Amino acid sequence: MWLEINNLHKKFGAEPVLGDLSFRLAERQMLSILGRSGCGKTTLLKIIAGLETPDAGVIKIAGKVINNVSAHRRNIVYIYQEPLLFPHLNVFENVAFGLRLRKIQNPTIESKVLQMVEALELNEQARKMPHQLSGGQRQRVAFGRALIISPQMLLLDEPFGALDTETRAVMQVLLKKIMQTHPITAIFVTHDLKEAIIMGDAIGMMEKGKLDIYPDKKTFIEHNEHVKNEINFWQNL
């Protein structure tokens, strides 16, 4: 397995957030983690990203323990609900930012960014500033900025939570399409059942700091009666 989490523990003060949490994720697979607010989903992502330190446990990527690797050296990108674009840079330069930090040659940057902008269906917005974009467009730019540096992992913390229903559906389809051409191991956190099923190759259910992983959508549905009932409800609408 490519990502291995073994016996992870985390408390904030006296409050346990993650309790003896272990799971594995194959390379180039997207795991959806479904759970209510406060169940520990965001804390798990932040620990993997290096933004929080676990009290105990081991994190491995490609067989290498990364517990003591600083966040900026993990080559892991964390995408929040808010796009957090650079307000003084246009779309092109926001997407190009990581490549410029790596001192990539200008012709290569130009080519890669234009390809990414086209894949994100942002050709007409390439020279616009963030304040001129819709919420969905801003989130597309955030994805472009993340993917263009070829991170070894993508952590998505309810990335479509602030979008309206129609835009959210469009973004789900677009992200699935983009991930096919940029195959990166990813964890997609959401509290939305339908979104978890749409986005994940595998699905995890998180509750009170515990995580149960189901290897595929069929197994997940078969082992959760309330999920079956909700899916039946969708189908009868």
Protein backbone atom coordinates (compact mmCIF):
# COMPACT_ATOMS: atom_id res chain seq x y z
CA MET A 1 0.00 0.00 0.00
CA TRP A 2 1.15 3.53 -0.76
CA LEU A 3 -0.21 5.43 2.26
CA GLU A 4 -0.11 3.67 5.62
CA ILE A 5 -1.50 5.11 8.83
CA ASN A 6 -0.76 3.02 11.92
CA ASN A 7 -2.23 3.49 15.42
CA LEU A 8 -2.75 7.25 15.17
CA HIS A 9 -3.78 9.05 18.36
CA LYS A 10 -4.55 12.73 18.88
CA LYS A 11 -6.00 14.73 21.76
CA PHE A 12 -6.64 18.43 22.14
CA GLY A 13 -6.33 18.98 25.88
CA ALA A 14 -8.30 16.20 27.53
CA GLU A 15 -10.53 15.73 24.47
CA PRO A 16 -9.67 12.67 22.33
CA VAL A 17 -10.02 13.44 18.60
CA LEU A 18 -8.42 10.39 16.97
CA GLY A 19 -8.24 7.04 18.73
CA ASP A 20 -5.93 4.24 17.54
CA LEU A 21 -6.74 5.01 13.90
CA SER A 22 -5.18 2.81 11.19
CA PHE A 23 -5.81 2.42 7.47
CA ARG A 24 -4.08 1.95 4.12
CA LEU A 25 -4.63 3.54 0.73
CA ALA A 26 -3.37 2.31 -2.63
CA GLU A 27 -1.45 4.58 -4.98
CA ARG A 28 -3.58 6.70 -7.35
CA GLN A 29 -6.75 5.87 -5.43
CA MET A 30 -9.19 8.43 -4.07
CA LEU A 31 -10.62 7.69 -0.65
CA SER A 32 -13.81 9.50 0.36
CA ILE A 33 -14.13 9.98 4.11
CA LEU A 34 -17.67 10.62 5.24
CA GLY A 35 -18.50 11.94 8.68
CA ARG A 36 -20.24 14.62 10.68
CA SER A 37 -18.62 17.84 11.83
CA GLY A 38 -16.29 17.23 14.76
CA CYS A 39 -15.62 13.55 14.06
CA GLY A 40 -11.90 14.10 13.41
CA LYS A 41 -11.79 14.26 9.59
CA THR A 42 -9.98 17.60 9.34
CA THR A 43 -7.54 16.68 12.12
CA LEU A 44 -6.61 13.51 10.22
CA LEU A 45 -5.91 15.49 7.04
CA LYS A 46 -3.84 18.06 8.90
CA ILE A 47 -1.72 15.33 10.51
CA ILE A 48 -1.06 13.71 7.12
CA ALA A 49 -0.18 17.13 5.68
CA GLY A 50 2.18 17.89 8.57
CA LEU A 51 0.09 20.78 9.88
CA GLU A 52 -0.68 18.96 13.15
CA THR A 53 1.49 16.54 15.14
CA PRO A 54 -0.01 13.23 16.32
CA ASP A 55 0.38 12.19 19.96
CA ALA A 56 1.26 8.69 18.80
CA GLY A 57 1.26 6.63 15.62
CA VAL A 58 3.17 6.29 12.37
CA ILE A 59 2.51 7.80 8.92
CA LYS A 60 4.21 6.19 5.92
CA ILE A 61 4.20 7.17 2.25
CA ALA A 62 5.71 4.70 -0.22
CA GLY A 63 7.21 2.82 2.73
CA LYS A 64 8.93 5.88 4.21
CA VAL A 65 8.00 7.24 7.65
CA ILE A 66 7.18 10.94 7.27
CA ASN A 67 6.31 11.87 10.88
CA ASN A 68 9.41 14.05 11.19
CA VAL A 69 9.28 15.47 7.66
CA SER A 70 8.22 19.14 7.69
CA ALA A 71 4.98 20.08 5.93
CA HIS A 72 6.67 21.96 3.07
CA ARG A 73 8.85 18.94 2.26
CA ARG A 74 6.06 16.35 2.11
CA ASN A 75 4.89 17.40 -1.38
CA ILE A 76 1.31 17.09 -0.18
CA VAL A 77 -1.26 19.72 -1.14
CA TYR A 78 -4.16 20.54 1.20
CA ILE A 79 -7.20 22.18 -0.43
CA TYR A 80 -9.72 23.86 1.84
CA GLN A 81 -13.34 24.85 1.31
CA GLU A 82 -12.10 28.38 0.63
CA PRO A 83 -9.80 28.59 -2.44
CA LEU A 84 -7.29 30.99 -0.77
CA LEU A 85 -6.01 32.42 -4.05
CA PHE A 86 -3.43 35.19 -4.17
CA PRO A 87 -5.62 38.28 -4.66
CA HIS A 88 -2.88 40.27 -6.44
CA LEU A 89 -2.25 37.57 -9.09
CA ASN A 90 -4.45 36.76 -12.08
CA VAL A 91 -5.65 33.24 -12.87
CA PHE A 92 -2.61 32.39 -15.01
CA GLU A 93 -0.15 33.53 -12.35
CA ASN A 94 -2.04 31.82 -9.52
CA VAL A 95 -1.79 28.51 -11.38
CA ALA A 96 1.85 29.18 -12.30
CA PHE A 97 2.90 30.09 -8.75
CA GLY A 98 4.30 26.71 -7.69
CA LEU A 99 6.24 26.31 -10.92
CA ARG A 100 7.82 29.75 -10.53
CA LEU A 101 8.89 28.85 -6.97
CA ARG A 102 10.64 25.82 -8.43
CA LYS A 103 12.40 28.09 -10.95
CA ILE A 104 11.00 26.23 -13.96
CA GLN A 105 11.91 27.82 -17.32
CA ASN A 106 9.33 30.31 -18.68
CA PRO A 107 8.50 28.40 -21.90
CA THR A 108 7.69 25.28 -19.83
CA ILE A 109 5.58 27.30 -17.41
CA GLU A 110 3.67 28.91 -20.28
CA SER A 111 2.94 25.53 -21.87
CA LYS A 112 1.96 23.73 -18.67
CA VAL A 113 -0.23 26.53 -17.33
CA LEU A 114 -2.09 26.96 -20.62
CA GLN A 115 -2.76 23.22 -20.73
CA MET A 116 -4.03 23.26 -17.16
CA VAL A 117 -6.20 26.34 -17.72
CA GLU A 118 -7.76 24.66 -20.74
CA ALA A 119 -8.40 21.43 -18.81
CA LEU A 120 -10.11 23.48 -16.11
CA GLU A 121 -12.25 25.23 -18.74
CA LEU A 122 -10.87 28.63 -17.70
CA ASN A 123 -9.47 29.87 -21.02
CA GLU A 124 -11.58 33.02 -20.99
CA GLN A 125 -10.67 33.77 -17.37
CA ALA A 126 -6.87 33.32 -17.65
CA ARG A 127 -6.11 37.05 -17.28
CA LYS A 128 -8.84 37.84 -14.77
CA MET A 129 -8.20 38.57 -11.10
CA PRO A 130 -9.69 36.36 -8.35
CA HIS A 131 -12.32 38.95 -7.37
CA GLN A 132 -13.69 38.79 -10.94
CA LEU A 133 -14.41 35.04 -10.71
CA SER A 134 -17.35 33.01 -9.44
CA GLY A 135 -16.91 30.66 -6.46
CA GLY A 136 -16.67 27.64 -8.74
CA GLN A 137 -14.10 29.32 -10.96
CA ARG A 138 -11.96 30.27 -7.96
CA GLN A 139 -12.01 26.66 -6.75
CA ARG A 140 -10.95 25.49 -10.22
CA VAL A 141 -7.96 27.81 -10.04
CA ALA A 142 -7.07 26.35 -6.63
CA PHE A 143 -7.16 22.84 -8.12
CA GLY A 144 -5.00 23.95 -11.04
CA ARG A 145 -2.43 25.51 -8.72
CA ALA A 146 -2.34 22.27 -6.69
CA LEU A 147 -2.18 19.77 -9.55
CA ILE A 148 0.34 21.57 -11.73
CA ILE A 149 3.20 20.88 -9.29
CA SER A 150 2.45 17.12 -9.39
CA PRO A 151 2.08 16.58 -5.63
CA GLN A 152 2.43 13.06 -4.34
CA MET A 153 -0.87 13.46 -2.52
CA LEU A 154 -3.95 15.68 -2.56
CA LEU A 155 -6.00 16.29 0.59
CA LEU A 156 -9.43 17.79 -0.07
CA ASP A 157 -11.27 19.15 2.96
CA GLU A 158 -14.90 19.65 1.87
CA PRO A 159 -13.68 21.59 -1.18
CA PHE A 160 -17.16 22.14 -2.62
CA GLY A 161 -18.93 22.89 0.65
CA ALA A 162 -19.33 26.62 -0.04
CA LEU A 163 -20.76 26.15 -3.55
CA ASP A 164 -24.40 26.05 -4.60
CA THR A 165 -25.88 22.67 -5.58
CA GLU A 166 -25.57 23.13 -9.34
CA THR A 167 -21.98 24.42 -9.23
CA ARG A 168 -21.06 21.66 -6.79
CA ALA A 169 -22.30 18.99 -9.22
CA VAL A 170 -20.32 20.57 -12.08
CA MET A 171 -17.16 20.67 -9.95
CA GLN A 172 -17.53 17.01 -8.94
CA VAL A 173 -17.62 15.98 -12.60
CA LEU A 174 -14.72 18.27 -13.50
CA LEU A 175 -12.51 17.04 -10.65
CA LYS A 176 -13.15 13.40 -11.58
CA LYS A 177 -12.17 14.23 -15.16
CA ILE A 178 -9.03 16.10 -14.12
CA MET A 179 -7.95 13.31 -11.77
CA GLN A 180 -8.07 10.84 -14.65
CA THR A 181 -5.37 12.81 -16.48
CA HIS A 182 -3.45 13.70 -13.29
CA PRO A 183 -3.57 10.42 -11.35
CA ILE A 184 -2.70 11.39 -7.77
CA THR A 185 -3.47 9.60 -4.53
CA ALA A 186 -6.15 11.63 -2.75
CA ILE A 187 -8.38 11.81 0.30
CA PHE A 188 -11.69 13.61 -0.16
CA VAL A 189 -13.43 14.61 3.08
CA THR A 190 -17.14 15.42 3.03
CA HIS A 191 -20.26 15.21 5.17
CA ASP A 192 -22.40 14.68 2.05
CA LEU A 193 -23.27 11.02 1.37
CA LYS A 194 -23.99 11.46 -2.33
CA GLU A 195 -20.72 13.33 -2.86
CA ALA A 196 -18.74 10.65 -1.02
CA ILE A 197 -20.17 7.96 -3.30
CA ILE A 198 -19.56 10.01 -6.46
CA MET A 199 -15.97 10.97 -5.65
CA GLY A 200 -14.40 7.96 -3.95
CA ASP A 201 -12.89 4.77 -5.31
CA ALA A 202 -13.12 3.56 -1.71
CA ILE A 203 -15.22 5.02 1.09
CA GLY A 204 -14.50 5.50 4.78
CA MET A 205 -17.01 6.24 7.51
CA MET A 206 -15.63 8.28 10.40
CA GLU A 207 -17.24 8.66 13.80
CA LYS A 208 -15.76 9.82 17.11
CA GLY A 209 -12.19 9.51 15.89
CA LYS A 210 -12.66 5.99 14.49
CA LEU A 211 -12.49 5.19 10.77
CA ASP A 212 -14.01 2.20 8.99
CA ILE A 213 -12.84 1.73 5.38
CA TYR A 214 -14.96 -0.04 2.77
CA PRO A 215 -13.01 -1.30 -0.29
CA ASP A 216 -15.69 -0.28 -2.78
CA LYS A 217 -19.03 1.49 -3.01
CA LYS A 218 -21.06 -1.72 -3.19
CA THR A 219 -19.65 -3.00 0.12
CA PHE A 220 -20.20 0.40 1.74
CA ILE A 221 -23.85 0.47 0.68
CA GLU A 222 -24.49 -3.15 1.69
CA HIS A 223 -23.11 -2.64 5.20
CA ASN A 224 -25.00 0.58 6.00
CA GLU A 225 -28.78 0.33 6.13
CA HIS A 226 -29.32 4.09 6.33
CA VAL A 227 -27.23 4.49 3.17
CA LYS A 228 -29.46 2.00 1.33
CA ASN A 229 -32.53 3.89 2.48
CA GLU A 230 -31.16 7.25 1.35
CA ILE A 231 -30.16 5.88 -2.07
CA ASN A 232 -33.64 4.39 -2.48
CA PHE A 233 -35.05 7.81 -1.63
CA TRP A 234 -32.91 9.48 -4.38
CA GLN A 235 -34.01 6.88 -6.91
CA ASN A 236 -37.70 7.43 -6.10
CA LEU A 237 -37.57 11.19 -6.52
